[in-house]
Amino acid sequence: METHSGMRRILRSTPLLAVCTAAALLSGCASTPSAAGRQEPALPEEEVVGAGTVLDEGDGAQLCLGPVAESFPPQCRGIPLHGWSWDDVVPDASSGDVRWGAYAVQGRYDGEALTVTTDATPLALYDPEPFPWPDGTGTADEEELARIGEEAVGRFADAFLTATPRDGRLEVVVVWDDGTWQRQADAQYGDGLVVVTSALRSVREG
């Protein structure tokens, strides 16, 4: 996928979307560092909220916080939702046993699944605070941002969602971060060159 600047946006893999750019595919993505040895963010102690597509293929609902393949029905890989009930919401669409819709979902996140604690809000009615973004513009060129984006795929592993160049910086969206990965990115690349955005945010922030 291309961004407005012509740079490639890197996506978490779905059945129809690859995370590697063409250049990385030639080397088998061998340039991305392993996630082994990284410090993981602490799990949230309070409830969080995430906005995305809830997809249920008949074996349980999941919340897709990253890219969704534009097929019919859609396809994506997300966080399992415990306690989700379609009796509480109206799906946007369905096809056979597959149901889906766009919602903000609140609950408790244990690192693997989100336990729903209140009724979901349709995204059309959801008005969150914008995600924070540094003032000014970054100084990185397209080649450097592309390299860092490829590294992010391996560094954040299953937590990785997207990496997108923006204003001379790279926004890396992950499932959850309490600031741990932002501090690591600042230490490695310099303050604010990589902006780590947590797709799940505490209910106080959302």
N, C-alpha and C. Protein backbone atom coordinates (compact mmCIF):
# COMPACT_ATOMS: atom_id res chain seq x y z
N MET A 1 0.85 -1.18 0.00
CA MET A 1 0.00 0.00 0.00
C MET A 1 0.88 1.23 0.00
N GLU A 2 0.57 2.24 -0.82
CA GLU A 2 1.37 3.45 -0.89
C GLU A 2 0.75 4.56 -0.05
N THR A 3 1.60 5.35 0.60
CA THR A 3 1.12 6.50 1.34
C THR A 3 1.08 7.70 0.41
N HIS A 4 0.58 8.84 0.94
CA HIS A 4 0.48 10.03 0.12
C HIS A 4 1.84 10.50 -0.36
N SER A 5 2.92 10.14 0.37
CA SER A 5 4.25 10.57 -0.02
C SER A 5 4.91 9.63 -1.01
N GLY A 6 4.23 8.55 -1.38
CA GLY A 6 4.79 7.59 -2.30
C GLY A 6 5.53 6.47 -1.60
N MET A 7 5.70 6.58 -0.26
CA MET A 7 6.37 5.52 0.47
C MET A 7 5.40 4.39 0.76
N ARG A 8 5.96 3.22 0.92
CA ARG A 8 5.13 2.06 1.15
C ARG A 8 4.73 1.96 2.62
N ARG A 9 3.46 1.76 2.86
CA ARG A 9 2.99 1.52 4.22
C ARG A 9 3.12 0.04 4.48
N ILE A 10 3.70 -0.33 5.63
CA ILE A 10 3.94 -1.72 5.98
C ILE A 10 2.80 -2.18 6.87
N LEU A 11 2.23 -3.32 6.53
CA LEU A 11 1.05 -3.80 7.21
C LEU A 11 1.31 -5.13 7.89
N ARG A 12 0.63 -5.35 8.99
CA ARG A 12 0.61 -6.68 9.60
C ARG A 12 -0.06 -7.65 8.64
N SER A 13 0.43 -8.87 8.58
CA SER A 13 -0.07 -9.82 7.60
C SER A 13 -1.50 -10.24 7.91
N THR A 14 -2.30 -10.34 6.85
CA THR A 14 -3.62 -10.93 6.91
C THR A 14 -3.62 -11.99 5.82
N PRO A 15 -4.68 -12.79 5.63
CA PRO A 15 -4.66 -13.77 4.57
C PRO A 15 -4.36 -13.18 3.20
N LEU A 16 -4.63 -11.88 2.97
CA LEU A 16 -4.42 -11.31 1.65
C LEU A 16 -3.43 -10.15 1.65
N LEU A 17 -2.76 -9.87 2.81
CA LEU A 17 -1.85 -8.73 2.88
C LEU A 17 -0.51 -9.19 3.43
N ALA A 18 0.59 -8.80 2.78
CA ALA A 18 1.93 -9.17 3.24
C ALA A 18 2.55 -8.03 4.00
N VAL A 19 3.39 -8.35 4.98
CA VAL A 19 4.02 -7.31 5.77
C VAL A 19 5.35 -6.88 5.17
N CYS A 20 5.91 -7.62 4.27
CA CYS A 20 7.23 -7.32 3.74
C CYS A 20 7.12 -6.48 2.48
N THR A 21 8.01 -5.55 2.32
CA THR A 21 8.07 -4.81 1.08
C THR A 21 8.77 -5.66 0.04
N ALA A 22 8.72 -5.22 -1.21
CA ALA A 22 9.32 -6.01 -2.27
C ALA A 22 10.80 -6.21 -2.04
N ALA A 23 11.50 -5.18 -1.56
CA ALA A 23 12.93 -5.31 -1.32
C ALA A 23 13.22 -6.35 -0.26
N ALA A 24 12.41 -6.36 0.78
CA ALA A 24 12.64 -7.32 1.86
C ALA A 24 12.31 -8.72 1.42
N LEU A 25 11.34 -8.88 0.53
CA LEU A 25 10.99 -10.20 0.05
C LEU A 25 12.16 -10.86 -0.66
N LEU A 26 12.98 -10.06 -1.32
CA LEU A 26 14.12 -10.62 -2.04
C LEU A 26 15.12 -11.25 -1.08
N SER A 27 15.16 -10.76 0.15
CA SER A 27 16.07 -11.32 1.13
C SER A 27 15.35 -12.16 2.16
N GLY A 28 14.08 -12.50 1.90
CA GLY A 28 13.32 -13.33 2.81
C GLY A 28 13.02 -12.66 4.13
N CYS A 29 13.03 -11.30 4.13
CA CYS A 29 12.80 -10.53 5.35
C CYS A 29 13.86 -10.80 6.40
N ALA A 30 15.03 -11.28 5.96
CA ALA A 30 16.08 -11.63 6.91
C ALA A 30 16.64 -10.42 7.62
N SER A 31 16.38 -9.22 7.10
CA SER A 31 16.96 -8.03 7.71
C SER A 31 16.23 -7.58 8.96
N THR A 32 15.02 -8.12 9.22
CA THR A 32 14.27 -7.70 10.39
C THR A 32 14.82 -8.40 11.62
N PRO A 33 15.10 -7.66 12.71
CA PRO A 33 15.67 -8.26 13.90
C PRO A 33 14.65 -9.11 14.63
N SER A 34 15.15 -10.06 15.41
CA SER A 34 14.28 -10.94 16.18
C SER A 34 13.67 -10.19 17.34
N ALA A 35 12.47 -10.61 17.75
CA ALA A 35 11.84 -10.00 18.92
C ALA A 35 12.39 -10.55 20.21
N ALA A 36 13.27 -11.60 20.10
CA ALA A 36 13.82 -12.20 21.31
C ALA A 36 14.64 -11.18 22.08
N GLY A 37 14.50 -11.19 23.39
CA GLY A 37 15.30 -10.31 24.23
C GLY A 37 14.72 -8.93 24.45
N ARG A 38 13.64 -8.59 23.79
CA ARG A 38 13.07 -7.27 23.99
C ARG A 38 12.34 -7.21 25.33
N GLN A 39 12.23 -6.03 25.88
CA GLN A 39 11.45 -5.84 27.10
C GLN A 39 10.00 -5.61 26.72
N GLU A 40 9.11 -6.39 27.30
CA GLU A 40 7.69 -6.29 26.96
C GLU A 40 7.00 -5.23 27.82
N PRO A 41 6.02 -4.55 27.26
CA PRO A 41 5.23 -3.62 28.09
C PRO A 41 4.48 -4.36 29.18
N ALA A 42 4.30 -3.69 30.32
CA ALA A 42 3.48 -4.27 31.38
C ALA A 42 2.02 -4.30 30.92
N LEU A 43 1.30 -5.31 31.33
CA LEU A 43 -0.11 -5.39 30.98
C LEU A 43 -0.89 -4.28 31.67
N PRO A 44 -1.92 -3.78 31.01
CA PRO A 44 -2.70 -2.69 31.63
C PRO A 44 -3.43 -3.15 32.88
N GLU A 45 -3.38 -2.33 33.91
CA GLU A 45 -4.08 -2.66 35.16
C GLU A 45 -5.53 -2.23 35.11
N GLU A 46 -5.84 -1.30 34.22
CA GLU A 46 -7.22 -0.81 34.11
C GLU A 46 -7.79 -1.23 32.76
N GLU A 47 -9.05 -0.93 32.59
CA GLU A 47 -9.71 -1.30 31.33
C GLU A 47 -9.18 -0.45 30.19
N VAL A 48 -9.21 -1.06 29.01
CA VAL A 48 -8.75 -0.37 27.80
C VAL A 48 -9.88 -0.39 26.78
N VAL A 49 -9.71 0.43 25.73
CA VAL A 49 -10.69 0.46 24.65
C VAL A 49 -9.92 0.40 23.34
N GLY A 50 -10.45 -0.34 22.39
CA GLY A 50 -9.85 -0.44 21.07
C GLY A 50 -10.91 -0.29 20.00
N ALA A 51 -10.57 0.41 18.93
CA ALA A 51 -11.50 0.65 17.83
C ALA A 51 -11.05 -0.13 16.60
N GLY A 52 -11.98 -0.86 16.01
CA GLY A 52 -11.63 -1.63 14.82
C GLY A 52 -12.80 -2.45 14.32
N THR A 53 -12.47 -3.48 13.57
CA THR A 53 -13.49 -4.37 13.01
C THR A 53 -13.64 -5.60 13.88
N VAL A 54 -14.85 -5.90 14.30
CA VAL A 54 -15.14 -7.15 15.00
C VAL A 54 -15.59 -8.15 13.95
N LEU A 55 -14.86 -9.24 13.85
CA LEU A 55 -15.14 -10.27 12.85
C LEU A 55 -15.39 -11.58 13.56
N ASP A 56 -16.46 -12.24 13.19
CA ASP A 56 -16.82 -13.54 13.78
C ASP A 56 -17.13 -14.51 12.65
N GLU A 57 -16.24 -15.49 12.49
CA GLU A 57 -16.40 -16.47 11.42
C GLU A 57 -17.14 -17.72 11.88
N GLY A 58 -17.78 -17.59 13.06
CA GLY A 58 -18.55 -18.71 13.58
C GLY A 58 -17.88 -19.44 14.71
N ASP A 59 -16.60 -19.12 14.95
CA ASP A 59 -15.87 -19.80 16.01
C ASP A 59 -15.40 -18.82 17.09
N GLY A 60 -16.05 -17.68 17.18
CA GLY A 60 -15.69 -16.69 18.19
C GLY A 60 -15.30 -15.37 17.57
N ALA A 61 -15.69 -14.29 18.20
CA ALA A 61 -15.40 -12.96 17.66
C ALA A 61 -13.97 -12.54 17.99
N GLN A 62 -13.41 -11.74 17.09
CA GLN A 62 -12.10 -11.15 17.32
C GLN A 62 -12.15 -9.68 16.92
N LEU A 63 -11.31 -8.88 17.60
CA LEU A 63 -11.23 -7.45 17.30
C LEU A 63 -9.97 -7.20 16.49
N CYS A 64 -10.17 -6.78 15.24
CA CYS A 64 -9.05 -6.50 14.35
C CYS A 64 -8.70 -5.03 14.45
N LEU A 65 -7.52 -4.74 15.00
CA LEU A 65 -7.08 -3.37 15.21
C LEU A 65 -6.24 -2.85 14.05
N GLY A 66 -5.81 -3.76 13.19
CA GLY A 66 -4.97 -3.40 12.06
C GLY A 66 -5.71 -3.52 10.75
N PRO A 67 -4.96 -3.80 9.67
CA PRO A 67 -5.56 -3.84 8.34
C PRO A 67 -6.57 -4.96 8.19
N VAL A 68 -7.56 -4.70 7.35
CA VAL A 68 -8.60 -5.68 7.05
C VAL A 68 -8.64 -5.88 5.53
N ALA A 69 -8.55 -7.11 5.09
CA ALA A 69 -8.60 -7.39 3.66
C ALA A 69 -9.98 -7.07 3.12
N GLU A 70 -10.01 -6.34 2.01
CA GLU A 70 -11.29 -5.90 1.44
C GLU A 70 -11.88 -6.97 0.54
N SER A 71 -12.14 -8.11 1.15
CA SER A 71 -12.82 -9.20 0.46
C SER A 71 -14.24 -9.28 0.99
N PHE A 72 -15.01 -10.24 0.49
CA PHE A 72 -16.36 -10.43 1.01
C PHE A 72 -16.57 -11.92 1.28
N PRO A 73 -16.70 -12.29 2.58
CA PRO A 73 -16.60 -11.40 3.74
C PRO A 73 -15.16 -10.94 3.97
N PRO A 74 -14.96 -9.90 4.78
CA PRO A 74 -13.60 -9.42 5.03
C PRO A 74 -12.78 -10.46 5.78
N GLN A 75 -11.47 -10.27 5.76
CA GLN A 75 -10.57 -11.15 6.47
C GLN A 75 -9.57 -10.31 7.26
N CYS A 76 -9.27 -10.76 8.46
CA CYS A 76 -8.29 -10.07 9.28
C CYS A 76 -7.88 -10.99 10.42
N ARG A 77 -6.82 -10.58 11.11
CA ARG A 77 -6.35 -11.30 12.28
C ARG A 77 -6.38 -10.35 13.46
N GLY A 78 -7.07 -10.75 14.53
CA GLY A 78 -7.24 -9.82 15.63
C GLY A 78 -7.12 -10.47 16.99
N ILE A 79 -7.58 -9.74 18.00
CA ILE A 79 -7.55 -10.19 19.39
C ILE A 79 -8.85 -10.94 19.70
N PRO A 80 -8.78 -12.15 20.23
CA PRO A 80 -10.01 -12.83 20.63
C PRO A 80 -10.80 -12.00 21.64
N LEU A 81 -12.11 -11.98 21.47
CA LEU A 81 -12.98 -11.25 22.38
C LEU A 81 -13.73 -12.25 23.26
N HIS A 82 -13.46 -12.21 24.54
CA HIS A 82 -14.19 -13.03 25.49
C HIS A 82 -15.40 -12.25 25.99
N GLY A 83 -16.54 -12.91 26.04
CA GLY A 83 -17.74 -12.25 26.53
C GLY A 83 -18.47 -11.45 25.48
N TRP A 84 -18.05 -11.56 24.22
CA TRP A 84 -18.75 -10.85 23.15
C TRP A 84 -20.06 -11.55 22.81
N SER A 85 -21.12 -10.77 22.61
CA SER A 85 -22.41 -11.32 22.21
C SER A 85 -23.03 -10.45 21.14
N TRP A 86 -23.43 -11.07 20.05
CA TRP A 86 -24.10 -10.32 19.00
C TRP A 86 -25.52 -9.93 19.40
N ASP A 87 -25.98 -10.47 20.52
CA ASP A 87 -27.30 -10.06 21.03
C ASP A 87 -27.27 -8.62 21.52
N ASP A 88 -26.06 -8.12 21.82
CA ASP A 88 -25.93 -6.77 22.38
C ASP A 88 -25.70 -5.71 21.31
N VAL A 89 -25.38 -6.13 20.09
CA VAL A 89 -25.10 -5.17 19.01
C VAL A 89 -25.72 -5.70 17.71
N VAL A 90 -25.83 -4.83 16.75
CA VAL A 90 -26.33 -5.22 15.43
C VAL A 90 -25.13 -5.27 14.47
N PRO A 91 -24.85 -6.42 13.86
CA PRO A 91 -23.72 -6.47 12.93
C PRO A 91 -23.95 -5.57 11.72
N ASP A 92 -22.86 -5.01 11.20
CA ASP A 92 -22.97 -4.18 10.01
C ASP A 92 -23.36 -5.02 8.80
N ALA A 93 -22.88 -6.26 8.78
CA ALA A 93 -23.14 -7.12 7.63
C ALA A 93 -22.91 -8.57 8.04
N SER A 94 -23.37 -9.48 7.20
CA SER A 94 -23.15 -10.90 7.44
C SER A 94 -23.14 -11.63 6.11
N SER A 95 -22.49 -12.78 6.10
CA SER A 95 -22.45 -13.65 4.93
C SER A 95 -22.30 -15.07 5.41
N GLY A 96 -23.36 -15.86 5.29
CA GLY A 96 -23.34 -17.20 5.83
C GLY A 96 -23.21 -17.14 7.34
N ASP A 97 -22.19 -17.84 7.87
CA ASP A 97 -21.96 -17.84 9.31
C ASP A 97 -21.08 -16.69 9.77
N VAL A 98 -20.63 -15.86 8.85
CA VAL A 98 -19.69 -14.78 9.18
C VAL A 98 -20.46 -13.49 9.45
N ARG A 99 -20.13 -12.86 10.57
CA ARG A 99 -20.73 -11.56 10.91
C ARG A 99 -19.61 -10.58 11.25
N TRP A 100 -19.83 -9.30 10.94
CA TRP A 100 -18.80 -8.33 11.25
C TRP A 100 -19.40 -6.93 11.39
N GLY A 101 -18.61 -6.05 11.98
CA GLY A 101 -19.02 -4.66 12.15
C GLY A 101 -17.87 -3.86 12.73
N ALA A 102 -18.01 -2.54 12.71
CA ALA A 102 -16.97 -1.64 13.20
C ALA A 102 -17.41 -1.06 14.54
N TYR A 103 -16.60 -1.29 15.58
CA TYR A 103 -16.99 -0.89 16.94
C TYR A 103 -15.78 -0.43 17.74
N ALA A 104 -16.05 0.31 18.78
CA ALA A 104 -15.11 0.54 19.87
C ALA A 104 -15.48 -0.42 20.98
N VAL A 105 -14.50 -1.24 21.41
CA VAL A 105 -14.77 -2.29 22.38
C VAL A 105 -13.95 -2.04 23.63
N GLN A 106 -14.61 -2.06 24.76
CA GLN A 106 -13.94 -1.81 26.04
C GLN A 106 -13.86 -3.11 26.83
N GLY A 107 -12.73 -3.29 27.54
CA GLY A 107 -12.60 -4.49 28.34
C GLY A 107 -11.25 -4.57 29.01
N ARG A 108 -10.94 -5.75 29.52
CA ARG A 108 -9.67 -6.01 30.19
C ARG A 108 -8.78 -6.86 29.28
N TYR A 109 -7.55 -6.39 29.08
CA TYR A 109 -6.63 -7.05 28.16
C TYR A 109 -5.57 -7.81 28.96
N ASP A 110 -5.41 -9.10 28.66
CA ASP A 110 -4.46 -9.94 29.39
C ASP A 110 -3.23 -10.29 28.56
N GLY A 111 -3.03 -9.62 27.46
CA GLY A 111 -1.90 -9.91 26.60
C GLY A 111 -2.23 -10.84 25.46
N GLU A 112 -3.35 -11.53 25.56
CA GLU A 112 -3.76 -12.44 24.51
C GLU A 112 -5.20 -12.21 24.04
N ALA A 113 -6.06 -11.83 24.95
CA ALA A 113 -7.48 -11.64 24.62
C ALA A 113 -8.02 -10.42 25.36
N LEU A 114 -9.15 -9.93 24.87
CA LEU A 114 -9.84 -8.81 25.50
C LEU A 114 -11.17 -9.31 26.03
N THR A 115 -11.35 -9.20 27.35
CA THR A 115 -12.60 -9.60 27.98
C THR A 115 -13.53 -8.40 28.02
N VAL A 116 -14.62 -8.47 27.28
CA VAL A 116 -15.54 -7.34 27.13
C VAL A 116 -16.26 -7.08 28.44
N THR A 117 -16.31 -5.81 28.84
CA THR A 117 -16.94 -5.46 30.11
C THR A 117 -18.15 -4.55 29.96
N THR A 118 -18.39 -4.03 28.77
CA THR A 118 -19.55 -3.16 28.56
C THR A 118 -19.97 -3.25 27.10
N ASP A 119 -21.14 -2.74 26.79
CA ASP A 119 -21.62 -2.82 25.41
C ASP A 119 -20.70 -2.05 24.47
N ALA A 120 -20.46 -2.63 23.30
CA ALA A 120 -19.63 -1.98 22.30
C ALA A 120 -20.34 -0.75 21.72
N THR A 121 -19.53 0.21 21.26
CA THR A 121 -20.05 1.43 20.64
C THR A 121 -19.78 1.38 19.15
N PRO A 122 -20.79 1.53 18.30
CA PRO A 122 -20.52 1.61 16.86
C PRO A 122 -19.54 2.75 16.57
N LEU A 123 -18.59 2.51 15.65
CA LEU A 123 -17.59 3.53 15.38
C LEU A 123 -18.21 4.82 14.88
N ALA A 124 -19.36 4.74 14.24
CA ALA A 124 -20.02 5.96 13.76
C ALA A 124 -20.42 6.87 14.92
N LEU A 125 -20.53 6.31 16.13
CA LEU A 125 -20.93 7.09 17.31
C LEU A 125 -19.77 7.31 18.27
N TYR A 126 -18.59 6.86 17.89
CA TYR A 126 -17.43 6.91 18.78
C TYR A 126 -16.59 8.14 18.45
N ASP A 127 -16.28 8.95 19.46
CA ASP A 127 -15.55 10.19 19.22
C ASP A 127 -14.39 10.29 20.22
N PRO A 128 -13.30 9.56 19.97
CA PRO A 128 -12.20 9.54 20.93
C PRO A 128 -11.30 10.76 20.79
N GLU A 129 -10.46 10.96 21.80
CA GLU A 129 -9.41 11.97 21.71
C GLU A 129 -8.40 11.50 20.66
N PRO A 130 -7.83 12.42 19.89
CA PRO A 130 -6.83 12.00 18.89
C PRO A 130 -5.59 11.44 19.57
N PHE A 131 -4.92 10.53 18.89
CA PHE A 131 -3.66 10.01 19.41
C PHE A 131 -2.62 11.12 19.42
N PRO A 132 -1.77 11.17 20.44
CA PRO A 132 -0.77 12.24 20.50
C PRO A 132 0.25 12.12 19.37
N TRP A 133 0.77 13.28 18.95
CA TRP A 133 1.78 13.33 17.89
C TRP A 133 2.74 14.46 18.19
N PRO A 134 4.06 14.23 18.01
CA PRO A 134 5.03 15.28 18.35
C PRO A 134 4.85 16.54 17.49
N ASP A 135 5.21 17.67 18.06
CA ASP A 135 5.20 18.92 17.30
C ASP A 135 6.33 18.93 16.28
N GLY A 136 6.15 19.69 15.23
CA GLY A 136 7.20 19.84 14.24
C GLY A 136 7.30 18.64 13.32
N THR A 137 8.35 18.62 12.51
CA THR A 137 8.57 17.53 11.57
C THR A 137 9.89 16.84 11.88
N GLY A 138 9.96 15.56 11.49
CA GLY A 138 11.19 14.80 11.67
C GLY A 138 12.18 15.09 10.56
N THR A 139 13.35 14.49 10.69
CA THR A 139 14.43 14.76 9.74
C THR A 139 14.84 13.53 8.94
N ALA A 140 14.17 12.41 9.15
CA ALA A 140 14.57 11.17 8.47
C ALA A 140 14.14 11.20 7.01
N ASP A 141 14.97 10.58 6.14
CA ASP A 141 14.59 10.48 4.74
C ASP A 141 13.81 9.19 4.49
N GLU A 142 13.30 9.04 3.29
CA GLU A 142 12.43 7.91 2.98
C GLU A 142 13.16 6.57 3.14
N GLU A 143 14.42 6.52 2.74
CA GLU A 143 15.17 5.27 2.83
C GLU A 143 15.33 4.82 4.28
N GLU A 144 15.64 5.77 5.16
CA GLU A 144 15.81 5.42 6.56
C GLU A 144 14.49 4.98 7.18
N LEU A 145 13.40 5.68 6.88
CA LEU A 145 12.10 5.30 7.43
C LEU A 145 11.67 3.92 6.93
N ALA A 146 11.95 3.62 5.65
CA ALA A 146 11.61 2.30 5.12
C ALA A 146 12.38 1.21 5.84
N ARG A 147 13.67 1.45 6.10
CA ARG A 147 14.48 0.46 6.80
C ARG A 147 13.95 0.23 8.22
N ILE A 148 13.66 1.31 8.93
CA ILE A 148 13.15 1.17 10.29
C ILE A 148 11.80 0.47 10.29
N GLY A 149 10.97 0.76 9.29
CA GLY A 149 9.67 0.10 9.20
C GLY A 149 9.80 -1.39 9.04
N GLU A 150 10.77 -1.84 8.23
CA GLU A 150 10.99 -3.27 8.07
C GLU A 150 11.47 -3.90 9.38
N GLU A 151 12.34 -3.18 10.10
CA GLU A 151 12.81 -3.69 11.38
C GLU A 151 11.67 -3.84 12.38
N ALA A 152 10.70 -2.94 12.30
CA ALA A 152 9.59 -2.98 13.26
C ALA A 152 8.77 -4.25 13.13
N VAL A 153 8.69 -4.79 11.92
CA VAL A 153 7.91 -6.02 11.71
C VAL A 153 8.45 -7.14 12.60
N GLY A 154 9.77 -7.31 12.59
CA GLY A 154 10.36 -8.35 13.43
C GLY A 154 10.47 -7.98 14.88
N ARG A 155 10.72 -6.70 15.14
CA ARG A 155 10.93 -6.27 16.52
C ARG A 155 9.69 -6.45 17.37
N PHE A 156 8.52 -6.10 16.83
CA PHE A 156 7.30 -6.15 17.63
C PHE A 156 6.48 -7.41 17.39
N ALA A 157 6.89 -8.22 16.43
CA ALA A 157 6.29 -9.54 16.19
C ALA A 157 4.76 -9.45 16.13
N ASP A 158 4.07 -10.28 16.89
CA ASP A 158 2.60 -10.34 16.80
C ASP A 158 1.92 -9.06 17.26
N ALA A 159 2.63 -8.21 17.98
CA ALA A 159 2.03 -6.95 18.43
C ALA A 159 2.02 -5.90 17.32
N PHE A 160 2.80 -6.11 16.26
CA PHE A 160 2.91 -5.14 15.18
C PHE A 160 1.62 -5.07 14.37
N LEU A 161 1.19 -3.85 14.04
CA LEU A 161 0.00 -3.66 13.20
C LEU A 161 0.35 -2.96 11.91
N THR A 162 0.91 -1.75 11.98
CA THR A 162 1.30 -1.02 10.77
C THR A 162 2.50 -0.14 11.07
N ALA A 163 3.20 0.25 10.00
CA ALA A 163 4.26 1.26 10.09
C ALA A 163 4.06 2.22 8.93
N THR A 164 3.90 3.50 9.24
CA THR A 164 3.56 4.49 8.22
C THR A 164 4.41 5.74 8.37
N PRO A 165 5.10 6.18 7.29
CA PRO A 165 5.85 7.44 7.36
C PRO A 165 4.91 8.63 7.45
N ARG A 166 5.31 9.59 8.28
CA ARG A 166 4.47 10.77 8.49
C ARG A 166 5.33 11.93 8.98
N ASP A 167 5.39 12.97 8.20
CA ASP A 167 6.08 14.21 8.61
C ASP A 167 7.54 13.96 9.00
N GLY A 168 8.24 13.12 8.24
CA GLY A 168 9.64 12.87 8.53
C GLY A 168 9.87 11.96 9.71
N ARG A 169 8.82 11.33 10.21
CA ARG A 169 8.91 10.36 11.30
C ARG A 169 8.24 9.07 10.84
N LEU A 170 8.33 8.04 11.67
CA LEU A 170 7.65 6.78 11.37
C LEU A 170 6.68 6.46 12.49
N GLU A 171 5.41 6.34 12.16
CA GLU A 171 4.43 5.90 13.16
C GLU A 171 4.31 4.39 13.09
N VAL A 172 4.61 3.74 14.20
CA VAL A 172 4.47 2.29 14.32
C VAL A 172 3.31 2.02 15.28
N VAL A 173 2.28 1.38 14.77
CA VAL A 173 1.11 1.06 15.58
C VAL A 173 1.23 -0.38 16.07
N VAL A 174 1.11 -0.56 17.37
CA VAL A 174 1.16 -1.88 17.99
C VAL A 174 -0.13 -2.11 18.76
N VAL A 175 -0.35 -3.34 19.16
CA VAL A 175 -1.58 -3.66 19.89
C VAL A 175 -1.63 -2.91 21.21
N TRP A 176 -0.54 -3.00 22.00
CA TRP A 176 -0.53 -2.35 23.30
C TRP A 176 0.88 -1.91 23.64
N ASP A 177 1.01 -0.70 24.16
CA ASP A 177 2.28 -0.22 24.70
C ASP A 177 1.99 0.70 25.87
N ASP A 178 2.72 0.51 26.95
CA ASP A 178 2.57 1.37 28.12
C ASP A 178 3.65 2.45 28.15
N GLY A 179 4.38 2.59 27.05
CA GLY A 179 5.49 3.52 26.99
C GLY A 179 6.83 2.82 26.92
N THR A 180 6.83 1.50 27.21
CA THR A 180 8.08 0.74 27.20
C THR A 180 8.72 0.73 25.82
N TRP A 181 7.94 0.42 24.79
CA TRP A 181 8.49 0.34 23.44
C TRP A 181 8.82 1.72 22.89
N GLN A 182 8.09 2.74 23.32
CA GLN A 182 8.44 4.10 22.89
C GLN A 182 9.81 4.48 23.43
N ARG A 183 10.07 4.15 24.68
CA ARG A 183 11.38 4.47 25.27
C ARG A 183 12.49 3.71 24.55
N GLN A 184 12.23 2.44 24.21
CA GLN A 184 13.23 1.67 23.48
C GLN A 184 13.50 2.26 22.11
N ALA A 185 12.43 2.69 21.42
CA ALA A 185 12.60 3.29 20.10
C ALA A 185 13.37 4.60 20.19
N ASP A 186 13.08 5.41 21.22
CA ASP A 186 13.80 6.66 21.41
C ASP A 186 15.29 6.39 21.65
N ALA A 187 15.58 5.36 22.44
CA ALA A 187 16.98 5.04 22.76
C ALA A 187 17.73 4.56 21.52
N GLN A 188 17.06 3.84 20.64
CA GLN A 188 17.73 3.28 19.47
C GLN A 188 17.82 4.26 18.31
N TYR A 189 16.74 5.00 18.07
CA TYR A 189 16.68 5.82 16.86
C TYR A 189 16.74 7.32 17.12
N GLY A 190 16.66 7.72 18.37
CA GLY A 190 16.61 9.14 18.70
C GLY A 190 15.19 9.55 19.07
N ASP A 191 15.09 10.52 19.95
CA ASP A 191 13.78 10.92 20.46
C ASP A 191 12.83 11.35 19.34
N GLY A 192 11.68 10.69 19.28
CA GLY A 192 10.60 11.11 18.39
C GLY A 192 10.74 10.71 16.94
N LEU A 193 11.85 10.04 16.55
CA LEU A 193 11.94 9.62 15.15
C LEU A 193 10.91 8.53 14.85
N VAL A 194 10.77 7.61 15.80
CA VAL A 194 9.73 6.58 15.72
C VAL A 194 8.69 6.88 16.78
N VAL A 195 7.45 6.99 16.36
CA VAL A 195 6.34 7.25 17.29
C VAL A 195 5.54 5.96 17.42
N VAL A 196 5.61 5.35 18.59
CA VAL A 196 4.90 4.09 18.84
C VAL A 196 3.50 4.42 19.36
N THR A 197 2.51 4.02 18.60
CA THR A 197 1.11 4.28 18.97
C THR A 197 0.47 2.98 19.43
N SER A 198 -0.14 3.00 20.58
CA SER A 198 -0.84 1.84 21.11
C SER A 198 -2.29 1.87 20.64
N ALA A 199 -2.69 0.83 19.89
CA ALA A 199 -4.06 0.78 19.39
C ALA A 199 -5.06 0.63 20.53
N LEU A 200 -4.68 -0.13 21.54
CA LEU A 200 -5.49 -0.18 22.76
C LEU A 200 -5.05 0.96 23.66
N ARG A 201 -5.99 1.69 24.18
CA ARG A 201 -5.66 2.80 25.07
C ARG A 201 -6.52 2.73 26.31
N SER A 202 -5.99 3.24 27.42
CA SER A 202 -6.77 3.19 28.65
C SER A 202 -8.05 3.99 28.47
N VAL A 203 -9.06 3.63 29.21
CA VAL A 203 -10.35 4.31 29.07
C VAL A 203 -10.23 5.78 29.46
N ARG A 204 -9.23 6.12 30.28
CA ARG A 204 -9.03 7.53 30.64
C ARG A 204 -8.56 8.34 29.44
N GLU A 205 -7.76 7.70 28.56
CA GLU A 205 -7.23 8.40 27.39
C GLU A 205 -8.22 8.40 26.24
N GLY A 206 -8.99 7.26 26.10
CA GLY A 206 -9.86 7.12 24.96
C GLY A 206 -11.12 7.92 25.05
